[in-house]
Amino acid sequence: MRALIAAATGLAVALVLVVTVGALGSPDGKTSPKPLLTTVPSHP
């Protein structure tokens, strides 16, 4: 019975979090126009 209550509580908390984020919308952010440059080390 405790496991069922814990699962229901966790599901309710997750649902509230999803609804809150959905209501607030995604934060405004910018992505860099430049690609991320990576280098591969040379093998000996």
N, C-alpha and C. Protein backbone atom coordinates (compact mmCIF):
# COMPACT_ATOMS: atom_id res chain seq x y z
N MET A 1 0.83 -1.20 0.00
CA MET A 1 0.00 0.00 0.00
C MET A 1 0.87 1.26 0.00
N ARG A 2 1.98 1.20 0.75
CA ARG A 2 2.87 2.36 0.79
C ARG A 2 3.45 2.66 -0.59
N ALA A 3 3.77 1.60 -1.32
CA ALA A 3 4.34 1.79 -2.65
C ALA A 3 3.34 2.47 -3.59
N LEU A 4 2.09 2.12 -3.47
CA LEU A 4 1.05 2.73 -4.30
C LEU A 4 0.91 4.22 -3.98
N ILE A 5 0.93 4.55 -2.69
CA ILE A 5 0.84 5.95 -2.27
C ILE A 5 2.06 6.73 -2.75
N ALA A 6 3.24 6.14 -2.64
CA ALA A 6 4.46 6.80 -3.08
C ALA A 6 4.44 7.03 -4.59
N ALA A 7 3.96 6.04 -5.34
CA ALA A 7 3.88 6.19 -6.79
C ALA A 7 2.88 7.27 -7.18
N ALA A 8 1.75 7.31 -6.51
CA ALA A 8 0.74 8.33 -6.80
C ALA A 8 1.26 9.72 -6.45
N THR A 9 1.98 9.84 -5.35
CA THR A 9 2.55 11.13 -4.96
C THR A 9 3.58 11.59 -5.98
N GLY A 10 4.46 10.70 -6.38
CA GLY A 10 5.47 11.04 -7.38
C GLY A 10 4.86 11.44 -8.71
N LEU A 11 3.82 10.74 -9.10
CA LEU A 11 3.14 11.06 -10.36
C LEU A 11 2.47 12.43 -10.27
N ALA A 12 1.87 12.74 -9.13
CA ALA A 12 1.22 14.03 -8.95
C ALA A 12 2.25 15.17 -8.99
N VAL A 13 3.39 14.96 -8.35
CA VAL A 13 4.44 15.99 -8.35
C VAL A 13 4.97 16.20 -9.77
N ALA A 14 5.18 15.12 -10.50
CA ALA A 14 5.67 15.23 -11.88
C ALA A 14 4.64 15.95 -12.76
N LEU A 15 3.38 15.64 -12.57
CA LEU A 15 2.33 16.28 -13.36
C LEU A 15 2.26 17.78 -13.06
N VAL A 16 2.37 18.15 -11.79
CA VAL A 16 2.37 19.57 -11.42
C VAL A 16 3.56 20.28 -12.05
N LEU A 17 4.71 19.63 -12.05
CA LEU A 17 5.90 20.23 -12.64
C LEU A 17 5.72 20.45 -14.14
N VAL A 18 5.17 19.47 -14.83
CA VAL A 18 4.96 19.58 -16.27
C VAL A 18 3.96 20.70 -16.58
N VAL A 19 2.88 20.76 -15.81
CA VAL A 19 1.87 21.81 -16.04
C VAL A 19 2.46 23.19 -15.76
N THR A 20 3.28 23.31 -14.72
CA THR A 20 3.89 24.59 -14.38
C THR A 20 4.84 25.05 -15.48
N VAL A 21 5.68 24.16 -15.95
CA VAL A 21 6.62 24.52 -17.02
C VAL A 21 5.85 24.85 -18.30
N GLY A 22 4.79 24.11 -18.56
CA GLY A 22 3.99 24.39 -19.74
C GLY A 22 3.29 25.74 -19.66
N ALA A 23 2.85 26.11 -18.48
CA ALA A 23 2.15 27.39 -18.31
C ALA A 23 3.12 28.56 -18.42
N LEU A 24 4.32 28.39 -17.86
CA LEU A 24 5.29 29.47 -17.89
C LEU A 24 5.94 29.62 -19.26
N GLY A 25 6.00 28.56 -20.00
CA GLY A 25 6.65 28.59 -21.30
C GLY A 25 8.15 28.38 -21.16
N SER A 26 8.78 28.14 -22.28
CA SER A 26 10.22 27.91 -22.23
C SER A 26 10.94 29.24 -22.07
N PRO A 27 12.06 29.24 -21.36
CA PRO A 27 12.79 30.50 -21.17
C PRO A 27 13.41 30.97 -22.48
N ASP A 28 13.53 32.28 -22.62
CA ASP A 28 14.14 32.83 -23.83
C ASP A 28 15.65 32.65 -23.74
N GLY A 29 16.18 32.08 -24.77
CA GLY A 29 17.62 31.86 -24.80
C GLY A 29 18.11 31.95 -26.23
N LYS A 30 19.39 32.14 -26.37
CA LYS A 30 19.97 32.24 -27.70
C LYS A 30 20.94 31.08 -27.90
N THR A 31 20.97 30.60 -29.11
CA THR A 31 21.95 29.59 -29.46
C THR A 31 23.04 30.25 -30.27
N SER A 32 24.22 29.76 -30.13
CA SER A 32 25.35 30.34 -30.85
C SER A 32 25.26 29.99 -32.33
N PRO A 33 25.47 30.96 -33.22
CA PRO A 33 25.46 30.64 -34.65
C PRO A 33 26.70 29.85 -35.08
N LYS A 34 27.76 29.94 -34.26
CA LYS A 34 29.00 29.23 -34.60
C LYS A 34 28.91 27.78 -34.15
N PRO A 35 29.35 26.85 -34.99
CA PRO A 35 29.36 25.46 -34.56
C PRO A 35 30.45 25.22 -33.52
N LEU A 36 30.23 24.21 -32.71
CA LEU A 36 31.21 23.87 -31.70
C LEU A 36 32.37 23.14 -32.38
N LEU A 37 33.54 23.74 -32.31
CA LEU A 37 34.70 23.15 -32.98
C LEU A 37 35.44 22.24 -32.02
N THR A 38 35.65 21.03 -32.44
CA THR A 38 36.39 20.08 -31.62
C THR A 38 37.57 19.55 -32.42
N THR A 39 38.60 19.18 -31.73
CA THR A 39 39.76 18.60 -32.41
C THR A 39 39.99 17.20 -31.88
N VAL A 40 40.45 16.35 -32.75
CA VAL A 40 40.76 14.97 -32.37
C VAL A 40 42.26 14.90 -32.18
N PRO A 41 42.72 14.41 -31.03
CA PRO A 41 44.16 14.33 -30.83
C PRO A 41 44.79 13.32 -31.80
N SER A 42 45.98 13.66 -32.24
CA SER A 42 46.65 12.76 -33.18
C SER A 42 47.12 11.51 -32.45
N HIS A 43 47.00 10.38 -33.14
CA HIS A 43 47.41 9.12 -32.55
C HIS A 43 48.90 8.91 -32.75
N PRO A 44 49.57 8.41 -31.75
CA PRO A 44 51.03 8.22 -31.87
C PRO A 44 51.38 7.09 -32.83
